[in-house]
PDB file of all heavy atoms in Angstrom:
ATOM      1  N   GLY A   1      -2.182  -5.759 -12.333  1.00  0.00           N
ATOM      2  CA  GLY A   1      -2.717  -4.483 -12.861  1.00  0.00           C
ATOM      3  C   GLY A   1      -3.140  -4.580 -14.211  1.00  0.00           C
ATOM      4  O   GLY A   1      -2.331  -4.483 -15.190  1.00  0.00           O
ATOM      5  N   GLY A   2      -4.432  -4.887 -14.399  1.00  0.00           N
ATOM      6  CA  GLY A   2      -4.988  -4.790 -15.761  1.00  0.00           C
ATOM      7  C   GLY A   2      -5.797  -3.560 -15.822  1.00  0.00           C
ATOM      8  O   GLY A   2      -5.372  -2.564 -16.398  1.00  0.00           O
ATOM      9  N   ILE A   3      -7.046  -3.462 -15.276  1.00  0.00           N
ATOM     10  CA  ILE A   3      -7.738  -2.179 -15.212  1.00  0.00           C
ATOM     11  C   ILE A   3      -7.090  -1.258 -14.237  1.00  0.00           C
ATOM     12  O   ILE A   3      -6.967  -0.152 -14.510  1.00  0.00           O
ATOM     13  CB  ILE A   3      -9.261  -2.485 -14.720  1.00  0.00           C
ATOM     14  CG1 ILE A   3      -9.872  -3.391 -15.822  1.00  0.00           C
ATOM     15  CG2 ILE A   3     -10.014  -1.190 -14.569  1.00  0.00           C
ATOM     16  CD1 ILE A   3     -11.237  -3.846 -15.422  1.00  0.00           C
ATOM     17  N   VAL A   4      -6.778  -1.838 -13.028  1.00  0.00           N
ATOM     18  CA  VAL A   4      -6.148  -0.924 -12.042  1.00  0.00           C
ATOM     19  C   VAL A   4      -4.566  -0.801 -12.252  1.00  0.00           C
ATOM     20  O   VAL A   4      -3.958  -1.900 -12.624  1.00  0.00           O
ATOM     21  CB  VAL A   4      -6.408  -1.485 -10.610  1.00  0.00           C
ATOM     22  CG1 VAL A   4      -5.863  -2.859 -10.390  1.00  0.00           C
ATOM     23  CG2 VAL A   4      -5.791  -0.558  -9.521  1.00  0.00           C
ATOM     24  N   ARG A   5      -3.970   0.359 -12.072  1.00  0.00           N
ATOM     25  CA  ARG A   5      -2.639   0.554 -12.376  1.00  0.00           C
ATOM     26  C   ARG A   5      -1.781   0.184 -11.100  1.00  0.00           C
ATOM     27  O   ARG A   5      -2.206   0.472  -9.994  1.00  0.00           O
ATOM     28  CB  ARG A   5      -2.280   1.932 -12.705  1.00  0.00           C
ATOM     29  CG  ARG A   5      -2.756   2.317 -14.097  1.00  0.00           C
ATOM     30  CD  ARG A   5      -2.752   3.844 -14.352  1.00  0.00           C
ATOM     31  NE  ARG A   5      -1.824   4.674 -13.585  1.00  0.00           N
ATOM     32  CZ  ARG A   5      -1.965   5.925 -13.356  1.00  0.00           C
ATOM     33  NH1 ARG A   5      -3.068   6.642 -13.951  1.00  0.00           N
ATOM     34  NH2 ARG A   5      -1.178   6.575 -12.598  1.00  0.00           N
ATOM     35  N   CYS A   6      -0.637  -0.437 -11.325  1.00  0.00           N
ATOM     36  CA  CYS A   6       0.165  -0.902 -10.074  1.00  0.00           C
ATOM     37  C   CYS A   6       0.777   0.311  -9.346  1.00  0.00           C
ATOM     38  O   CYS A   6       0.886   0.266  -8.124  1.00  0.00           O
ATOM     39  CB  CYS A   6       1.338  -1.853 -10.617  1.00  0.00           C
ATOM     40  SG  CYS A   6       0.734  -3.375 -11.240  1.00  0.00           S
ATOM     41  N   ASP A   7       1.147   1.385 -10.072  1.00  0.00           N
ATOM     42  CA  ASP A   7       1.581   2.415  -9.292  1.00  0.00           C
ATOM     43  C   ASP A   7       0.569   3.133  -8.345  1.00  0.00           C
ATOM     44  O   ASP A   7       0.856   3.565  -7.313  1.00  0.00           O
ATOM     45  CB  ASP A   7       2.119   3.593 -10.320  1.00  0.00           C
ATOM     46  CG  ASP A   7       1.188   3.947 -11.363  1.00  0.00           C
ATOM     47  OD1 ASP A   7       0.240   3.217 -11.712  1.00  0.00           O
ATOM     48  OD2 ASP A   7       1.286   5.208 -11.683  1.00  0.00           O
ATOM     49  N   ARG A   8      -0.749   3.079  -8.798  1.00  0.00           N
ATOM     50  CA  ARG A   8      -1.821   3.568  -8.049  1.00  0.00           C
ATOM     51  C   ARG A   8      -1.877   2.673  -6.793  1.00  0.00           C
ATOM     52  O   ARG A   8      -2.220   3.124  -5.637  1.00  0.00           O
ATOM     53  CB  ARG A   8      -3.001   3.602  -8.810  1.00  0.00           C
ATOM     54  CG  ARG A   8      -4.114   4.209  -7.942  1.00  0.00           C
ATOM     55  CD  ARG A   8      -5.358   4.467  -8.930  1.00  0.00           C
ATOM     56  NE  ARG A   8      -5.143   5.539  -9.890  1.00  0.00           N
ATOM     57  CZ  ARG A   8      -6.034   5.851 -10.884  1.00  0.00           C
ATOM     58  NH1 ARG A   8      -7.170   5.210 -10.959  1.00  0.00           N
ATOM     59  NH2 ARG A   8      -5.664   6.828 -11.701  1.00  0.00           N
ATOM     60  N   VAL A   9      -1.841   1.321  -6.960  1.00  0.00           N
ATOM     61  CA  VAL A   9      -2.019   0.471  -5.839  1.00  0.00           C
ATOM     62  C   VAL A   9      -0.856   0.602  -4.902  1.00  0.00           C
ATOM     63  O   VAL A   9      -1.046   0.605  -3.696  1.00  0.00           O
ATOM     64  CB  VAL A   9      -2.050  -0.975  -6.285  1.00  0.00           C
ATOM     65  CG1 VAL A   9      -2.022  -2.030  -5.189  1.00  0.00           C
ATOM     66  CG2 VAL A   9      -3.169  -1.273  -7.270  1.00  0.00           C
ATOM     67  N   ALA A  10       0.463   0.798  -5.390  1.00  0.00           N
ATOM     68  CA  ALA A  10       1.487   0.976  -4.602  1.00  0.00           C
ATOM     69  C   ALA A  10       1.449   2.260  -3.678  1.00  0.00           C
ATOM     70  O   ALA A  10       1.687   2.142  -2.492  1.00  0.00           O
ATOM     71  CB  ALA A  10       2.811   1.090  -5.478  1.00  0.00           C
ATOM     72  N   GLN A  11       0.915   3.356  -4.368  1.00  0.00           N
ATOM     73  CA  GLN A  11       0.746   4.529  -3.582  1.00  0.00           C
ATOM     74  C   GLN A  11      -0.304   4.253  -2.595  1.00  0.00           C
ATOM     75  O   GLN A  11      -0.203   4.883  -1.331  1.00  0.00           O
ATOM     76  CB  GLN A  11       0.402   5.652  -4.606  1.00  0.00           C
ATOM     77  CG  GLN A  11       0.387   7.112  -3.964  1.00  0.00           C
ATOM     78  CD  GLN A  11       1.822   7.493  -3.359  1.00  0.00           C
ATOM     79  OE1 GLN A  11       2.714   7.387  -4.237  1.00  0.00           O
ATOM     80  NE2 GLN A  11       1.934   7.770  -2.095  1.00  0.00           N
ATOM     81  N   GLY A  12      -1.314   3.559  -2.826  1.00  0.00           N
ATOM     82  CA  GLY A  12      -2.349   3.288  -1.920  1.00  0.00           C
ATOM     83  C   GLY A  12      -1.783   2.439  -0.704  1.00  0.00           C
ATOM     84  O   GLY A  12      -2.188   2.700   0.454  1.00  0.00           O
ATOM     85  N   VAL A  13      -0.936   1.436  -1.038  1.00  0.00           N
ATOM     86  CA  VAL A  13      -0.290   0.844   0.114  1.00  0.00           C
ATOM     87  C   VAL A  13       0.509   1.693   1.001  1.00  0.00           C
ATOM     88  O   VAL A  13       0.408   1.560   2.205  1.00  0.00           O
ATOM     89  CB  VAL A  13       0.708  -0.383  -0.426  1.00  0.00           C
ATOM     90  CG1 VAL A  13       1.457  -0.978   0.643  1.00  0.00           C
ATOM     91  CG2 VAL A  13      -0.240  -1.408  -1.140  1.00  0.00           C
ATOM     92  N   VAL A  14       1.333   2.649   0.365  1.00  0.00           N
ATOM     93  CA  VAL A  14       2.164   3.558   1.181  1.00  0.00           C
ATOM     94  C   VAL A  14       1.314   4.451   2.057  1.00  0.00           C
ATOM     95  O   VAL A  14       1.532   4.683   3.205  1.00  0.00           O
ATOM     96  CB  VAL A  14       3.012   4.266   0.248  1.00  0.00           C
ATOM     97  CG1 VAL A  14       3.798   5.453   0.991  1.00  0.00           C
ATOM     98  CG2 VAL A  14       4.105   3.377  -0.451  1.00  0.00           C
ATOM     99  N   ASP A  15       0.287   5.018   1.393  1.00  0.00           N
ATOM    100  CA  ASP A  15      -0.627   5.964   2.140  1.00  0.00           C
ATOM    101  C   ASP A  15      -1.297   5.218   3.249  1.00  0.00           C
ATOM    102  O   ASP A  15      -1.460   5.711   4.462  1.00  0.00           O
ATOM    103  CB  ASP A  15      -1.666   6.586   1.152  1.00  0.00           C
ATOM    104  CG  ASP A  15      -1.017   7.425   0.146  1.00  0.00           C
ATOM    105  OD1 ASP A  15       0.085   7.851   0.284  1.00  0.00           O
ATOM    106  OD2 ASP A  15      -1.769   7.804  -0.829  1.00  0.00           O
ATOM    107  N   ALA A  16      -1.834   3.943   3.013  1.00  0.00           N
ATOM    108  CA  ALA A  16      -2.442   3.179   4.023  1.00  0.00           C
ATOM    109  C   ALA A  16      -1.544   2.946   5.224  1.00  0.00           C
ATOM    110  O   ALA A  16      -1.926   2.966   6.352  1.00  0.00           O
ATOM    111  CB  ALA A  16      -3.101   1.855   3.393  1.00  0.00           C
ATOM    112  N   TYR A  17      -0.329   2.456   4.962  1.00  0.00           N
ATOM    113  CA  TYR A  17       0.628   2.255   5.977  1.00  0.00           C
ATOM    114  C   TYR A  17       0.931   3.384   6.828  1.00  0.00           C
ATOM    115  O   TYR A  17       0.921   3.351   7.989  1.00  0.00           O
ATOM    116  CB  TYR A  17       2.078   1.713   5.220  1.00  0.00           C
ATOM    117  CG  TYR A  17       3.005   1.045   6.145  1.00  0.00           C
ATOM    118  CD1 TYR A  17       3.283  -0.336   5.990  1.00  0.00           C
ATOM    119  CD2 TYR A  17       3.664   1.740   7.146  1.00  0.00           C
ATOM    120  CE1 TYR A  17       4.111  -0.895   6.832  1.00  0.00           C
ATOM    121  CE2 TYR A  17       4.610   1.075   7.967  1.00  0.00           C
ATOM    122  CZ  TYR A  17       4.824  -0.241   7.815  1.00  0.00           C
ATOM    123  OH  TYR A  17       5.689  -0.898   8.644  1.00  0.00           O
ATOM    124  N   LYS A  18       1.118   4.524   6.190  1.00  0.00           N
ATOM    125  CA  LYS A  18       1.381   5.738   6.979  1.00  0.00           C
ATOM    126  C   LYS A  18       0.077   6.149   7.850  1.00  0.00           C
ATOM    127  O   LYS A  18       0.235   6.630   8.943  1.00  0.00           O
ATOM    128  CB  LYS A  18       1.683   6.936   6.009  1.00  0.00           C
ATOM    129  CG  LYS A  18       3.124   6.831   5.381  1.00  0.00           C
ATOM    130  CD  LYS A  18       3.323   7.910   4.363  1.00  0.00           C
ATOM    131  CE  LYS A  18       4.829   7.712   3.838  1.00  0.00           C
ATOM    132  NZ  LYS A  18       5.124   8.782   2.853  1.00  0.00           N
ATOM    133  N   SER A  19      -1.041   5.846   7.335  1.00  0.00           N
ATOM    134  CA  SER A  19      -2.325   6.281   8.083  1.00  0.00           C
ATOM    135  C   SER A  19      -2.518   5.349   9.285  1.00  0.00           C
ATOM    136  O   SER A  19      -2.877   5.843  10.284  1.00  0.00           O
ATOM    137  CB  SER A  19      -3.647   6.104   7.110  1.00  0.00           C
ATOM    138  OG  SER A  19      -4.827   6.346   7.781  1.00  0.00           O
ATOM    139  N   ILE A  20      -2.207   4.098   9.060  1.00  0.00           N
ATOM    140  CA  ILE A  20      -2.416   3.044  10.219  1.00  0.00           C
ATOM    141  C   ILE A  20      -1.275   3.357  11.205  1.00  0.00           C
ATOM    142  O   ILE A  20      -1.473   3.216  12.437  1.00  0.00           O
ATOM    143  CB  ILE A  20      -2.326   1.738   9.597  1.00  0.00           C
ATOM    144  CG1 ILE A  20      -3.644   1.480   8.784  1.00  0.00           C
ATOM    145  CG2 ILE A  20      -2.219   0.661  10.868  1.00  0.00           C
ATOM    146  CD1 ILE A  20      -3.558   0.100   8.033  1.00  0.00           C
ATOM    147  N   GLY A  21      -0.012   3.707  10.735  1.00  0.00           N
ATOM    148  CA  GLY A  21       1.068   3.871  11.654  1.00  0.00           C
ATOM    149  C   GLY A  21       1.889   2.520  11.685  1.00  0.00           C
ATOM    150  O   GLY A  21       2.088   1.906  10.507  1.00  0.00           O
ATOM    151  N   ASP A  22       2.460   2.131  12.754  1.00  0.00           N
ATOM    152  CA  ASP A  22       3.327   1.067  12.732  1.00  0.00           C
ATOM    153  C   ASP A  22       2.564  -0.349  12.585  1.00  0.00           C
ATOM    154  O   ASP A  22       1.572  -0.466  13.342  1.00  0.00           O
ATOM    155  CB  ASP A  22       4.187   0.989  14.146  1.00  0.00           C
ATOM    156  CG  ASP A  22       5.205  -0.282  14.122  1.00  0.00           C
ATOM    157  OD1 ASP A  22       5.740  -0.397  13.015  1.00  0.00           O
ATOM    158  OD2 ASP A  22       5.111  -0.967  15.127  1.00  0.00           O
ATOM    159  N   ILE A  23       2.852  -1.092  11.566  1.00  0.00           N
ATOM    160  CA  ILE A  23       2.285  -2.337  11.366  1.00  0.00           C
ATOM    161  C   ILE A  23       3.226  -3.467  11.684  1.00  0.00           C
ATOM    162  O   ILE A  23       4.354  -3.622  11.246  1.00  0.00           O
ATOM    163  CB  ILE A  23       1.953  -2.548   9.909  1.00  0.00           C
ATOM    164  CG1 ILE A  23       0.834  -1.550   9.455  1.00  0.00           C
ATOM    165  CG2 ILE A  23       1.509  -3.928   9.554  1.00  0.00           C
ATOM    166  CD1 ILE A  23       0.467  -1.541   7.990  1.00  0.00           C
ATOM    167  N   PRO A  24       2.787  -4.258  12.795  1.00  0.00           N
ATOM    168  CA  PRO A  24       3.755  -5.075  13.565  1.00  0.00           C
ATOM    169  C   PRO A  24       4.297  -6.380  12.693  1.00  0.00           C
ATOM    170  O   PRO A  24       5.027  -7.104  13.277  1.00  0.00           O
ATOM    171  CB  PRO A  24       3.033  -5.453  14.812  1.00  0.00           C
ATOM    172  CG  PRO A  24       1.587  -5.428  14.391  1.00  0.00           C
ATOM    173  CD  PRO A  24       1.484  -4.370  13.319  1.00  0.00           C
ATOM    174  N   VAL A  25       3.767  -6.614  11.555  1.00  0.00           N
ATOM    175  CA  VAL A  25       4.113  -7.749  10.741  1.00  0.00           C
ATOM    176  C   VAL A  25       4.643  -7.339   9.445  1.00  0.00           C
ATOM    177  O   VAL A  25       4.354  -6.271   8.914  1.00  0.00           O
ATOM    178  CB  VAL A  25       2.808  -8.712  10.600  1.00  0.00           C
ATOM    179  CG1 VAL A  25       2.291  -9.146  11.888  1.00  0.00           C
ATOM    180  CG2 VAL A  25       1.787  -8.023   9.790  1.00  0.00           C
ATOM    181  N   PRO A  26       5.613  -8.188   8.884  1.00  0.00           N
ATOM    182  CA  PRO A  26       6.162  -7.920   7.561  1.00  0.00           C
ATOM    183  C   PRO A  26       5.074  -7.955   6.451  1.00  0.00           C
ATOM    184  O   PRO A  26       4.263  -8.688   6.475  1.00  0.00           O
ATOM    185  CB  PRO A  26       7.307  -8.946   7.299  1.00  0.00           C
ATOM    186  CG  PRO A  26       6.865 -10.077   8.302  1.00  0.00           C
ATOM    187  CD  PRO A  26       6.144  -9.452   9.378  1.00  0.00           C
ATOM    188  N   ILE A  27       5.300  -7.039   5.484  1.00  0.00           N
ATOM    189  CA  ILE A  27       4.434  -6.917   4.349  1.00  0.00           C
ATOM    190  C   ILE A  27       5.236  -7.182   3.108  1.00  0.00           C
ATOM    191  O   ILE A  27       6.169  -6.512   2.791  1.00  0.00           O
ATOM    192  CB  ILE A  27       3.831  -5.557   4.310  1.00  0.00           C
ATOM    193  CG1 ILE A  27       2.902  -5.341   5.534  1.00  0.00           C
ATOM    194  CG2 ILE A  27       2.862  -5.404   3.015  1.00  0.00           C
ATOM    195  CD1 ILE A  27       2.402  -3.922   5.593  1.00  0.00           C
ATOM    196  N   ILE A  28       4.651  -8.015   2.261  1.00  0.00           N
ATOM    197  CA  ILE A  28       5.223  -8.327   0.927  1.00  0.00           C
ATOM    198  C   ILE A  28       4.218  -7.847  -0.094  1.00  0.00           C
ATOM    199  O   ILE A  28       3.050  -8.340  -0.111  1.00  0.00           O
ATOM    200  CB  ILE A  28       5.431  -9.880   0.707  1.00  0.00           C
ATOM    201  CG1 ILE A  28       6.452 -10.290   1.899  1.00  0.00           C
ATOM    202  CG2 ILE A  28       6.042 -10.224  -0.517  1.00  0.00           C
ATOM    203  CD1 ILE A  28       6.360 -11.670   2.219  1.00  0.00           C
TER     204      ILE A  28
END
């Protein structure tokens, strides 16, 4: 996170996960 903020990315990951539904592989 330099220009982009990590909290914004994290929220993007959460929103994307919920939009896609169940993701069958572990995410790190």
